N, C-alpha and C. Protein backbone atom coordinates (compact mmCIF):
# COMPACT_ATOMS: atom_id res chain seq x y z
N LEU A 1 33.12 -28.38 -14.69
CA LEU A 1 32.41 -27.65 -13.72
C LEU A 1 31.19 -28.53 -13.27
N ARG A 2 30.45 -29.03 -14.31
CA ARG A 2 29.09 -29.71 -14.02
C ARG A 2 29.15 -30.93 -13.44
N ARG A 3 30.27 -31.66 -13.79
CA ARG A 3 30.49 -32.98 -13.21
C ARG A 3 30.77 -32.68 -11.76
N ARG A 4 31.65 -31.81 -11.43
CA ARG A 4 31.94 -31.64 -10.06
C ARG A 4 30.99 -31.23 -9.16
N GLN A 5 29.90 -30.44 -9.86
CA GLN A 5 28.62 -29.87 -9.12
C GLN A 5 27.78 -30.98 -8.91
N ARG A 6 27.54 -31.88 -9.87
CA ARG A 6 26.66 -33.15 -9.69
C ARG A 6 27.37 -33.93 -8.65
N GLN A 7 28.67 -34.28 -8.70
CA GLN A 7 29.29 -35.18 -7.57
C GLN A 7 28.98 -34.52 -6.01
N MET A 8 29.07 -33.09 -6.04
CA MET A 8 28.97 -32.38 -4.81
C MET A 8 27.58 -32.63 -4.39
N CYS A 9 26.67 -32.54 -5.32
CA CYS A 9 25.25 -32.59 -5.03
C CYS A 9 24.99 -33.99 -4.46
N ILE A 10 25.14 -34.92 -5.06
CA ILE A 10 25.12 -36.23 -4.75
C ILE A 10 25.67 -36.55 -3.22
N ARG A 11 26.92 -36.17 -3.25
CA ARG A 11 27.65 -36.43 -1.74
C ARG A 11 26.64 -35.61 -0.84
N ASP A 12 26.35 -34.36 -0.86
CA ASP A 12 25.73 -33.76 0.04
C ASP A 12 24.43 -34.36 0.31
N ARG A 13 23.53 -34.84 -0.82
CA ARG A 13 22.37 -35.43 -0.53
C ARG A 13 22.36 -36.63 0.28
N VAL A 14 23.48 -37.55 0.10
CA VAL A 14 23.52 -38.71 1.10
C VAL A 14 23.78 -38.15 2.28
N GLU A 15 24.82 -37.13 2.64
CA GLU A 15 24.90 -36.60 4.09
C GLU A 15 23.66 -36.15 4.65
N LEU A 16 22.89 -35.24 3.83
CA LEU A 16 21.75 -34.72 4.38
C LEU A 16 20.39 -35.47 4.61
N ALA A 17 20.55 -36.53 3.83
CA ALA A 17 19.05 -37.18 4.02
C ALA A 17 18.70 -37.62 5.23
N GLY A 18 19.64 -37.94 6.24
CA GLY A 18 19.13 -38.22 7.52
C GLY A 18 18.75 -37.14 8.40
N LEU A 19 18.79 -35.71 7.94
CA LEU A 19 18.65 -34.63 8.85
C LEU A 19 17.20 -34.19 8.76
N TRP A 20 16.32 -34.68 7.80
CA TRP A 20 15.15 -34.12 7.58
C TRP A 20 14.08 -35.32 8.02
N HIS A 21 12.77 -34.87 8.55
CA HIS A 21 12.02 -35.61 8.85
C HIS A 21 11.11 -35.92 7.71
N THR A 22 10.14 -36.98 7.62
CA THR A 22 9.31 -37.37 6.51
C THR A 22 7.95 -37.62 7.07
N LYS A 23 6.90 -37.70 6.24
CA LYS A 23 5.57 -38.04 6.78
C LYS A 23 5.52 -39.33 7.41
N GLU A 24 6.46 -40.21 7.06
CA GLU A 24 6.62 -41.72 7.48
C GLU A 24 7.18 -41.63 8.77
N ASP A 25 8.09 -40.77 8.92
CA ASP A 25 8.87 -40.75 10.25
C ASP A 25 7.79 -40.35 11.25
N TYR A 26 6.86 -39.41 10.94
CA TYR A 26 5.83 -38.92 11.98
C TYR A 26 4.76 -40.04 12.20
N ALA A 27 4.44 -40.70 11.38
CA ALA A 27 3.48 -41.93 11.52
C ALA A 27 3.98 -42.95 12.28
N LYS A 28 5.44 -43.29 11.97
CA LYS A 28 6.11 -44.22 12.69
C LYS A 28 6.06 -43.84 14.50
N LYS A 29 6.21 -42.68 14.61
CA LYS A 29 6.25 -42.18 16.09
C LYS A 29 4.79 -41.77 16.58
N GLY A 30 3.79 -41.87 15.87
CA GLY A 30 2.62 -41.45 16.29
C GLY A 30 2.34 -40.21 16.33
N VAL A 31 2.94 -39.50 15.66
CA VAL A 31 2.82 -37.94 15.64
C VAL A 31 1.82 -37.47 14.45
N LYS A 32 0.88 -36.73 14.85
CA LYS A 32 0.02 -36.40 13.88
C LYS A 32 0.26 -34.96 13.28
N THR A 33 0.25 -34.61 12.03
CA THR A 33 0.41 -33.29 11.07
C THR A 33 -0.88 -32.87 10.83
N ILE A 34 -0.86 -31.54 10.34
CA ILE A 34 -2.03 -30.89 9.99
C ILE A 34 -2.84 -31.79 8.81
N PHE A 35 -1.84 -32.39 8.09
CA PHE A 35 -2.44 -33.27 6.89
C PHE A 35 -3.21 -34.44 7.59
N ASP A 36 -3.06 -35.10 8.82
CA ASP A 36 -3.76 -36.21 9.39
C ASP A 36 -5.13 -35.65 9.66
N TYR A 37 -5.46 -34.38 10.10
CA TYR A 37 -6.65 -34.01 10.17
C TYR A 37 -7.58 -33.61 8.98
N ALA A 38 -7.00 -33.73 7.78
CA ALA A 38 -7.69 -33.48 6.71
C ALA A 38 -8.27 -34.56 6.13
N GLU A 39 -9.44 -34.71 5.41
CA GLU A 39 -9.92 -36.03 4.72
C GLU A 39 -9.19 -36.18 3.41
N ARG A 40 -8.97 -34.95 2.73
CA ARG A 40 -8.33 -35.03 1.21
C ARG A 40 -7.17 -34.03 1.24
N PRO A 41 -6.20 -34.19 1.87
CA PRO A 41 -4.96 -33.28 1.82
C PRO A 41 -4.27 -33.49 0.74
N VAL A 42 -3.84 -32.48 0.24
CA VAL A 42 -2.75 -32.33 -0.96
C VAL A 42 -1.39 -31.41 -0.47
N ALA A 43 -0.31 -32.09 -0.41
CA ALA A 43 0.73 -31.51 0.27
C ALA A 43 1.97 -31.30 -0.86
N ILE A 44 2.32 -30.17 -1.30
CA ILE A 44 3.21 -30.21 -2.44
C ILE A 44 4.54 -29.63 -2.04
N SER A 45 5.49 -30.68 -1.74
CA SER A 45 6.97 -30.36 -1.36
C SER A 45 6.90 -29.72 -0.18
N ILE A 46 6.40 -30.08 1.03
CA ILE A 46 6.49 -29.47 2.23
C ILE A 46 7.79 -29.83 3.01
N PRO A 47 8.41 -28.93 3.25
CA PRO A 47 9.51 -29.09 4.39
C PRO A 47 9.19 -30.23 5.52
N SER A 48 10.22 -30.95 5.68
CA SER A 48 9.88 -31.90 6.99
C SER A 48 8.72 -32.67 6.88
N TYR A 49 8.12 -32.86 5.56
CA TYR A 49 6.91 -33.80 5.46
C TYR A 49 7.39 -34.40 4.33
N ASN A 50 7.28 -33.77 3.05
CA ASN A 50 7.39 -34.62 1.88
C ASN A 50 8.29 -34.01 0.61
N GLN A 51 9.10 -33.05 1.35
CA GLN A 51 10.22 -32.52 0.44
C GLN A 51 11.17 -33.27 -0.22
N PRO A 52 11.36 -33.08 -1.52
CA PRO A 52 12.60 -34.01 -1.82
C PRO A 52 13.78 -33.92 -1.28
N VAL A 53 14.52 -34.83 -1.24
CA VAL A 53 15.91 -34.69 -0.57
C VAL A 53 16.86 -33.45 -1.38
N GLU A 54 16.64 -33.67 -2.84
CA GLU A 54 17.21 -32.45 -3.52
C GLU A 54 17.13 -30.97 -3.24
N ASP A 55 15.76 -30.78 -2.55
CA ASP A 55 15.49 -29.67 -2.22
C ASP A 55 16.01 -29.14 -0.86
N ILE A 56 16.40 -30.31 0.11
CA ILE A 56 17.11 -30.35 1.30
C ILE A 56 18.33 -29.72 1.11
N TRP A 57 19.00 -30.42 0.19
CA TRP A 57 20.58 -29.96 -0.12
C TRP A 57 20.37 -28.38 -0.56
N LEU A 58 19.37 -28.05 -1.38
CA LEU A 58 19.35 -26.94 -1.99
C LEU A 58 19.49 -25.85 -0.89
N MET A 59 18.61 -25.91 -0.01
CA MET A 59 18.39 -25.06 1.06
C MET A 59 19.62 -24.81 1.95
N VAL A 60 20.25 -26.00 2.43
CA VAL A 60 21.37 -26.04 3.19
C VAL A 60 22.74 -25.35 2.36
N LYS A 61 22.76 -25.88 1.17
CA LYS A 61 23.94 -25.54 0.29
C LYS A 61 23.79 -24.17 -0.26
N SER A 62 22.41 -23.25 -0.46
CA SER A 62 22.46 -21.87 -0.67
C SER A 62 22.98 -21.20 0.24
N ASP A 63 23.03 -21.49 1.48
CA ASP A 63 23.96 -20.70 2.68
C ASP A 63 25.23 -20.92 2.35
N LEU A 64 26.02 -21.70 1.87
CA LEU A 64 27.09 -21.98 1.73
C LEU A 64 28.07 -21.45 0.46
N VAL A 65 27.35 -21.39 -0.49
CA VAL A 65 28.03 -21.21 -1.69
C VAL A 65 28.34 -19.70 -1.93
N LYS A 66 29.51 -19.66 -2.69
CA LYS A 66 30.30 -18.46 -2.82
C LYS A 66 30.42 -18.05 -4.45
N SER A 67 30.95 -19.24 -5.04
CA SER A 67 31.38 -18.99 -6.63
C SER A 67 30.33 -18.48 -7.32
N SER A 68 30.38 -17.83 -8.41
CA SER A 68 29.41 -17.42 -9.25
C SER A 68 28.96 -18.76 -10.05
N GLY A 69 29.73 -19.57 -10.36
CA GLY A 69 29.02 -20.67 -11.16
C GLY A 69 28.17 -21.69 -10.25
N GLU A 70 28.55 -21.90 -9.03
CA GLU A 70 27.69 -22.48 -8.03
C GLU A 70 26.36 -21.79 -7.93
N LYS A 71 26.35 -20.43 -7.97
CA LYS A 71 25.15 -19.59 -7.53
C LYS A 71 24.17 -19.75 -8.94
N GLU A 72 24.77 -19.94 -9.89
CA GLU A 72 24.05 -19.83 -11.13
C GLU A 72 23.44 -21.47 -11.50
N PHE A 73 24.26 -22.37 -10.89
CA PHE A 73 23.79 -23.69 -10.82
C PHE A 73 22.59 -23.86 -10.13
N ILE A 74 22.57 -23.31 -8.85
CA ILE A 74 21.40 -23.41 -7.89
C ILE A 74 20.27 -22.58 -8.47
N ALA A 75 20.61 -21.30 -8.96
CA ALA A 75 19.59 -20.40 -9.45
C ALA A 75 18.72 -21.15 -10.58
N LYS A 76 19.53 -21.75 -11.39
CA LYS A 76 18.48 -22.56 -12.47
C LYS A 76 17.83 -23.53 -11.87
N TYR A 77 18.29 -24.34 -10.88
CA TYR A 77 17.68 -25.40 -10.16
C TYR A 77 16.48 -24.97 -9.46
N VAL A 78 16.39 -23.94 -9.09
CA VAL A 78 15.57 -23.29 -8.05
C VAL A 78 14.29 -22.88 -9.13
N TRP A 79 14.78 -22.08 -10.10
CA TRP A 79 13.81 -21.80 -11.05
C TRP A 79 13.04 -22.92 -11.50
N ARG A 80 13.63 -24.00 -12.19
CA ARG A 80 12.86 -25.20 -12.60
C ARG A 80 12.16 -25.78 -11.66
N ARG A 81 12.60 -26.03 -10.35
CA ARG A 81 11.67 -26.74 -9.27
C ARG A 81 10.48 -25.72 -9.10
N HIS A 82 10.75 -24.37 -8.93
CA HIS A 82 9.71 -23.61 -8.79
C HIS A 82 8.61 -23.54 -9.69
N TYR A 83 8.91 -23.81 -11.21
CA TYR A 83 7.79 -23.93 -12.12
C TYR A 83 7.18 -25.19 -12.02
N GLU A 84 7.91 -26.35 -11.88
CA GLU A 84 7.33 -27.65 -11.40
C GLU A 84 6.29 -27.58 -10.32
N ARG A 85 6.59 -26.86 -9.30
CA ARG A 85 5.70 -26.78 -8.05
C ARG A 85 4.27 -25.79 -8.52
N LYS A 86 4.66 -24.81 -9.42
CA LYS A 86 3.63 -23.79 -9.82
C LYS A 86 2.78 -24.71 -10.66
N LYS A 87 3.24 -25.59 -11.63
CA LYS A 87 2.48 -26.32 -12.41
C LYS A 87 1.55 -27.27 -11.50
N LEU A 88 2.18 -27.80 -10.57
CA LEU A 88 1.50 -28.88 -9.82
C LEU A 88 0.30 -27.98 -9.04
N LEU A 89 0.44 -26.92 -8.33
CA LEU A 89 -0.20 -26.36 -7.78
C LEU A 89 -1.70 -25.99 -8.59
N PHE A 90 -1.32 -25.41 -9.85
CA PHE A 90 -2.53 -25.06 -10.69
C PHE A 90 -3.33 -26.30 -11.15
N LYS A 91 -2.63 -27.52 -11.34
CA LYS A 91 -3.32 -28.69 -11.36
C LYS A 91 -4.28 -29.17 -10.36
N GLU A 92 -3.57 -28.92 -9.24
CA GLU A 92 -4.36 -29.42 -8.17
C GLU A 92 -5.65 -28.44 -7.44
N LEU A 93 -5.61 -27.20 -8.14
CA LEU A 93 -6.69 -26.27 -7.71
C LEU A 93 -8.13 -26.79 -8.11
N SER A 94 -8.03 -27.36 -9.23
CA SER A 94 -9.41 -28.01 -9.30
C SER A 94 -9.68 -29.17 -8.98
N GLY A 95 -8.84 -29.82 -8.19
CA GLY A 95 -9.04 -31.16 -7.48
C GLY A 95 -10.02 -31.13 -6.32
N ASP A 96 -10.28 -32.45 -5.81
CA ASP A 96 -11.38 -32.45 -4.49
C ASP A 96 -10.43 -32.73 -3.30
N TRP A 97 -9.79 -31.56 -2.75
CA TRP A 97 -9.07 -31.44 -1.76
C TRP A 97 -9.86 -30.75 -0.39
N ASP A 98 -9.58 -31.01 0.49
CA ASP A 98 -9.96 -29.75 1.69
C ASP A 98 -8.55 -29.29 2.27
N LEU A 99 -7.70 -29.68 2.14
CA LEU A 99 -6.36 -28.96 2.45
C LEU A 99 -5.22 -29.07 1.48
N LEU A 100 -4.77 -27.79 0.80
CA LEU A 100 -3.76 -27.85 -0.06
C LEU A 100 -2.71 -26.91 0.43
N MET A 101 -1.48 -27.50 0.41
CA MET A 101 -0.53 -26.73 0.73
C MET A 101 0.46 -26.89 -0.20
N VAL A 102 1.34 -25.94 -0.38
CA VAL A 102 2.66 -25.89 -1.37
C VAL A 102 3.60 -25.01 -0.82
N TRP A 103 4.66 -25.46 -0.88
CA TRP A 103 6.13 -24.28 -0.34
C TRP A 103 6.80 -24.20 -1.62
N PHE A 104 6.86 -22.58 -1.67
CA PHE A 104 7.82 -22.03 -2.70
C PHE A 104 9.01 -21.46 -2.28
N PRO A 105 9.99 -22.09 -2.25
CA PRO A 105 11.40 -21.83 -1.71
C PRO A 105 12.17 -20.71 -2.43
N LEU A 106 11.41 -20.13 -3.70
CA LEU A 106 12.12 -19.30 -4.49
C LEU A 106 12.62 -18.06 -3.90
N ALA A 107 12.01 -17.10 -3.05
CA ALA A 107 12.60 -16.02 -2.33
C ALA A 107 13.56 -16.32 -1.41
N ASP A 108 13.47 -17.48 -0.84
CA ASP A 108 14.22 -17.81 0.44
C ASP A 108 15.87 -18.37 -0.15
N ALA A 109 15.46 -19.21 -1.25
CA ALA A 109 16.80 -19.89 -1.76
C ALA A 109 17.72 -18.67 -2.48
N LEU A 110 17.04 -17.92 -3.37
CA LEU A 110 17.59 -16.99 -4.35
C LEU A 110 17.91 -15.95 -3.38
N GLY A 111 17.06 -15.48 -2.29
CA GLY A 111 17.36 -14.36 -1.51
C GLY A 111 18.73 -14.69 -0.72
N HIS A 112 19.03 -15.71 -0.48
CA HIS A 112 20.58 -15.75 0.20
C HIS A 112 21.54 -15.61 -0.67
N LEU A 113 21.45 -15.98 -1.96
CA LEU A 113 22.47 -15.86 -2.95
C LEU A 113 22.48 -14.45 -3.75
N PHE A 114 21.24 -13.95 -4.01
CA PHE A 114 21.31 -12.61 -4.92
C PHE A 114 20.31 -11.59 -4.23
N TRP A 115 20.47 -11.43 -3.01
CA TRP A 115 19.85 -10.34 -1.99
C TRP A 115 20.11 -9.16 -2.60
N PHE A 116 21.42 -8.87 -3.03
CA PHE A 116 21.83 -7.51 -3.58
C PHE A 116 21.23 -7.18 -4.83
N ASP A 117 20.77 -8.07 -5.55
CA ASP A 117 20.10 -7.73 -7.09
C ASP A 117 18.89 -7.38 -7.00
N GLU A 118 18.59 -6.09 -6.72
CA GLU A 118 17.09 -5.67 -6.76
C GLU A 118 16.07 -5.92 -7.79
N ASP A 119 16.63 -5.86 -9.08
CA ASP A 119 15.69 -6.37 -10.29
C ASP A 119 15.42 -7.80 -10.01
N LEU A 120 16.31 -8.82 -9.60
CA LEU A 120 16.10 -10.12 -9.38
C LEU A 120 15.04 -10.38 -8.36
N MET A 121 15.15 -9.57 -7.16
CA MET A 121 14.24 -9.85 -6.23
C MET A 121 13.04 -9.20 -6.52
N ARG A 122 12.95 -8.23 -7.05
CA ARG A 122 11.55 -7.74 -7.43
C ARG A 122 10.85 -8.71 -8.49
N ARG A 123 11.53 -9.26 -9.39
CA ARG A 123 11.11 -10.43 -10.26
C ARG A 123 10.47 -11.56 -9.48
N ILE A 124 11.11 -11.93 -8.27
CA ILE A 124 10.87 -13.03 -7.73
C ILE A 124 9.39 -12.81 -6.91
N TYR A 125 9.51 -11.66 -6.12
CA TYR A 125 8.35 -11.35 -5.49
C TYR A 125 7.16 -10.96 -6.20
N ASP A 126 7.30 -10.39 -7.54
CA ASP A 126 6.12 -10.32 -8.86
C ASP A 126 5.58 -11.77 -8.91
N GLU A 127 6.78 -12.67 -9.30
CA GLU A 127 6.13 -14.02 -9.48
C GLU A 127 5.41 -14.87 -8.38
N LEU A 128 5.75 -14.46 -7.01
CA LEU A 128 5.07 -14.97 -6.12
C LEU A 128 3.52 -14.20 -5.94
N GLU A 129 3.74 -13.01 -6.18
CA GLU A 129 2.34 -12.22 -5.97
C GLU A 129 1.59 -12.73 -7.23
N GLU A 130 1.89 -12.90 -8.31
CA GLU A 130 1.31 -13.39 -9.29
C GLU A 130 0.41 -14.67 -8.95
N ILE A 131 1.22 -15.64 -8.57
CA ILE A 131 0.65 -16.83 -8.13
C ILE A 131 -0.49 -16.68 -7.06
N ALA A 132 -0.27 -15.77 -6.13
CA ALA A 132 -1.21 -15.69 -5.09
C ALA A 132 -2.42 -14.97 -5.69
N GLY A 133 -2.23 -14.21 -6.59
CA GLY A 133 -3.53 -13.53 -7.26
C GLY A 133 -4.30 -14.60 -7.86
N ALA A 134 -3.63 -15.23 -8.91
CA ALA A 134 -4.12 -16.38 -9.61
C ALA A 134 -4.90 -17.40 -8.88
N VAL A 135 -4.44 -17.54 -7.60
CA VAL A 135 -4.95 -18.90 -6.54
C VAL A 135 -6.26 -17.96 -6.21
N ARG A 136 -6.16 -16.83 -5.59
CA ARG A 136 -7.21 -16.03 -5.11
C ARG A 136 -8.46 -16.01 -6.19
N ALA A 137 -8.05 -15.76 -7.45
CA ALA A 137 -9.05 -15.66 -8.44
C ALA A 137 -9.67 -16.96 -8.85
N GLU A 138 -8.92 -18.09 -8.74
CA GLU A 138 -9.52 -19.24 -8.93
C GLU A 138 -10.36 -19.87 -7.64
N LEU A 139 -10.17 -19.37 -6.57
CA LEU A 139 -10.67 -19.99 -5.42
C LEU A 139 -11.16 -18.76 -4.64
N PRO A 140 -12.16 -18.07 -4.71
CA PRO A 140 -12.60 -16.73 -4.35
C PRO A 140 -13.17 -17.07 -2.73
N ASP A 141 -13.67 -18.28 -2.57
CA ASP A 141 -14.26 -18.36 -1.33
C ASP A 141 -13.22 -19.14 -0.25
N ALA A 142 -12.25 -19.54 -0.94
CA ALA A 142 -11.42 -20.56 0.19
C ALA A 142 -10.52 -19.52 0.97
N LEU A 143 -10.01 -20.11 2.22
CA LEU A 143 -9.35 -19.57 2.91
C LEU A 143 -7.61 -19.60 2.28
N ILE A 144 -7.12 -18.55 2.07
CA ILE A 144 -5.68 -18.65 1.39
C ILE A 144 -4.82 -17.88 2.41
N LEU A 145 -4.02 -18.73 2.91
CA LEU A 145 -2.85 -18.35 4.03
C LEU A 145 -1.58 -18.29 3.42
N ILE A 146 -0.72 -17.45 3.53
CA ILE A 146 0.55 -17.18 3.02
C ILE A 146 1.43 -17.03 4.37
N ASN A 147 2.56 -17.71 4.54
CA ASN A 147 3.31 -17.33 5.62
C ASN A 147 4.66 -17.58 5.42
N SER A 148 5.64 -16.94 6.13
CA SER A 148 6.96 -17.05 6.26
C SER A 148 7.50 -17.99 7.21
N ASP A 149 8.45 -18.68 7.31
CA ASP A 149 9.11 -19.14 8.58
C ASP A 149 10.31 -18.23 9.15
N HIS A 150 10.58 -17.38 8.20
CA HIS A 150 11.69 -16.20 8.71
C HIS A 150 11.76 -14.95 7.75
N GLY A 151 12.57 -14.05 8.32
CA GLY A 151 12.53 -12.98 7.28
C GLY A 151 14.13 -12.86 6.80
N MET A 152 14.28 -11.94 6.12
CA MET A 152 15.59 -12.07 5.63
C MET A 152 16.18 -10.65 5.28
N LYS A 153 17.46 -10.36 5.78
CA LYS A 153 18.30 -9.04 5.67
C LYS A 153 19.51 -9.21 5.07
N ARG A 154 20.06 -8.85 4.00
CA ARG A 154 21.24 -8.92 3.44
C ARG A 154 21.65 -10.38 3.30
N GLY A 155 20.61 -11.21 2.88
CA GLY A 155 20.85 -12.43 2.75
C GLY A 155 21.00 -13.59 3.59
N GLN A 156 20.79 -12.98 4.97
CA GLN A 156 20.77 -13.71 6.43
C GLN A 156 19.33 -13.78 6.97
N HIS A 157 19.20 -14.90 7.52
CA HIS A 157 17.78 -15.03 8.32
C HIS A 157 17.77 -14.03 9.27
N THR A 158 16.29 -13.61 9.52
CA THR A 158 16.10 -12.74 10.75
C THR A 158 14.81 -13.51 11.42
N HIS A 159 14.48 -12.75 12.55
CA HIS A 159 13.48 -13.66 13.23
C HIS A 159 12.06 -13.01 12.87
N TYR A 160 12.03 -12.18 12.02
CA TYR A 160 10.75 -11.47 11.53
C TYR A 160 10.06 -12.11 10.34
N ALA A 161 9.22 -13.08 10.77
CA ALA A 161 8.28 -13.86 9.69
C ALA A 161 7.24 -12.92 9.50
N PHE A 162 6.26 -13.42 8.60
CA PHE A 162 4.95 -12.61 8.38
C PHE A 162 3.93 -13.77 8.04
N TYR A 163 2.71 -13.11 8.21
CA TYR A 163 1.71 -13.86 7.53
C TYR A 163 0.61 -13.10 6.78
N SER A 164 0.00 -13.49 5.75
CA SER A 164 -1.00 -12.70 5.07
C SER A 164 -2.16 -13.77 4.65
N SER A 165 -3.37 -13.08 4.68
CA SER A 165 -4.59 -14.16 4.48
C SER A 165 -5.61 -13.10 3.83
N ASN A 166 -6.33 -13.89 2.94
CA ASN A 166 -7.36 -13.07 2.39
C ASN A 166 -8.79 -13.02 3.37
N ILE A 167 -8.74 -13.67 4.37
CA ILE A 167 -9.59 -13.58 5.37
C ILE A 167 -9.09 -12.73 6.73
N ARG A 168 -9.88 -12.27 7.42
CA ARG A 168 -9.28 -11.63 8.70
C ARG A 168 -9.26 -12.57 9.60
N LEU A 169 -8.07 -12.92 10.39
CA LEU A 169 -8.02 -13.75 11.15
C LEU A 169 -8.17 -13.52 12.56
N GLY A 170 -7.81 -12.48 12.91
CA GLY A 170 -8.09 -11.80 14.39
C GLY A 170 -7.05 -12.35 15.08
N LEU A 171 -5.75 -12.52 14.45
CA LEU A 171 -4.55 -12.93 15.33
C LEU A 171 -3.55 -11.61 15.41
N GLU A 172 -3.45 -11.23 16.79
CA GLU A 172 -2.84 -9.94 16.89
C GLU A 172 -1.34 -10.27 17.02
N LYS A 173 -0.79 -11.26 17.64
CA LYS A 173 0.38 -11.61 17.88
C LYS A 173 0.63 -13.16 17.62
N PRO A 174 0.48 -13.73 16.47
CA PRO A 174 0.41 -14.96 16.24
C PRO A 174 1.51 -15.82 16.58
N ARG A 175 1.34 -17.02 17.02
CA ARG A 175 2.42 -17.83 16.90
C ARG A 175 2.33 -18.99 15.90
N ILE A 176 3.36 -19.87 15.70
CA ILE A 176 3.10 -20.66 14.65
C ILE A 176 1.85 -21.69 14.92
N THR A 177 1.69 -22.23 16.20
CA THR A 177 0.64 -22.81 16.48
C THR A 177 -0.91 -22.24 16.41
N SER A 178 -0.89 -21.02 16.39
CA SER A 178 -2.05 -20.23 16.17
C SER A 178 -2.90 -20.70 15.05
N PHE A 179 -2.12 -21.15 13.95
CA PHE A 179 -2.72 -21.31 12.78
C PHE A 179 -3.35 -22.72 12.56
N PHE A 180 -3.02 -23.44 13.71
CA PHE A 180 -3.67 -24.88 13.69
C PHE A 180 -5.03 -24.74 13.81
N ARG A 181 -5.82 -23.71 14.62
CA ARG A 181 -7.11 -23.59 14.98
C ARG A 181 -7.80 -22.96 13.66
N ILE A 182 -7.16 -22.70 12.75
CA ILE A 182 -7.90 -22.07 11.72
C ILE A 182 -8.89 -22.86 10.92
């Protein structure tokens, strides 16, 4: 089973590699990102910027997986990558940056596969809440913005995204571009 999964991962990575943009793609086209406006930005695994191709495979594949073996394989991978990102985040908190962004796909990827497992989903949200609390404790004067790109119901995307901030932003009905001015 593992050999077949590895082969499937490699095949899918090759096919998906051309579907995602990178910071180099934007630079070649002369398109600026939020990171170009910061003097010392840190971007940890940001989709369509510097996300590893393995994670692109994960996000597409998690929508298509049906067998319990594949679900467990992806779940282990997601948790492992989550802890790697978390470690990088906490290492960078004490760094000299003026913009720090990290993407945690834990709730998204595992929500597609295990939305029905209330205990697991609670564990996932507790984990993410713990990270947010630790970051806030470490950086009490920093603007901390948490956002989602979509909501989820019964394992499927919805149009209901959210944002949360430790500072009142005064955005009544924000659009994704509203955050650019913050």
